Amino acid sequence: MDLTDKFINVAGARTRYHDVGQGEPTILIHGGGPGASGLSNYRKNVEALATGRRVIVVDLPGFGETEGKLKDGPIFEAMGDFIRAFMDVIGIQKASFVGNSLGGATSLLVALRTPDRVNRLVLMGTGGSQAIFSPMPTEGLRRMAMFHGGEGPTLEKLKGVIELLVFDSKSITENLLEERLKAAKRTDVIDIFKRPPMDIWRENLASLKHRTLLVWGRDDRVVPLDSSFILLKTMPNAQLHVYPECGHWAQWEKAEEFNALVADFLDRP
């Protein structure tokens, strides 16, 4: 499969993306952890999901190889505007979305502001909701928020974040850590925790009629499972799938099962 980097200008930012497969478009949006990028988050999913559909993986501003140029305002709103602009540039009127964490919140903002541009939603450990039982912020969020402070990004701090993103850190390779640390040290990286917060759960989620698959790791230590309950209760066509022995990266830790689940959900009439 050809995963050659492609670059375009989106809202003044040189933007990297990957575009593979044919058929109905599905956009994969990564999370906001240090050093994240489209392929870093979805390396285990692109090929499987591109069977029978067009899959587009994009680096958000300040992540991966996309310039850190983003309009002011709450991070979810700004990223949602960026993704709509990205769709305009590459000529996609409507797409399904697969979003992890920040990517899930971004996908929700696209759906809330322009519902006609969204087909189906797959949201994994998505941000912007409200935990019902768990104390907040979680340890994972606290480590992320402190990552760029003090002496700046270090391998030790990165390991401290990544170990809370997964249930079993044995799945994390040295190559992945090196890749993410290099990206996290960029001078134009966007620290999402310096942006104003946004409570998506207070938005009119009941207006979203899109078929929605919520995917959570039972052992998520960044955005806990009980953060899914408001979304499940409020969004009229939402269903929830929970993986045991799984953290914040369901698409990574449960890749084979996740790929089959998502493909079936997207293909179902």
Foldseek 3Di string as FASTA:
>chain_A
DDQDWDWDAFPNKTWTKGKDAADAEEEEEEADFFLDAQCLQQVLFDVLLRVHHIYMTIGFDQHDPIHNDWDAAQPLLGRLVRVVSVCVVVVQQAHEYEYFASGLSNNVNVCQVPVSRYAAYEYFLYPQFDFDPDDPDFPLVVLRLCQQPDPGHDLVSSCVNVPLQWLDCVLPDPVSSVSRSVSNPDPSHDSNNVGDHHRCLPPQLLVNQHQYEYEYECSARRRHPSRCVSNQVRHPRYDYDYDYSTYRSCCRPVVVVVNVVVSCVVPPD
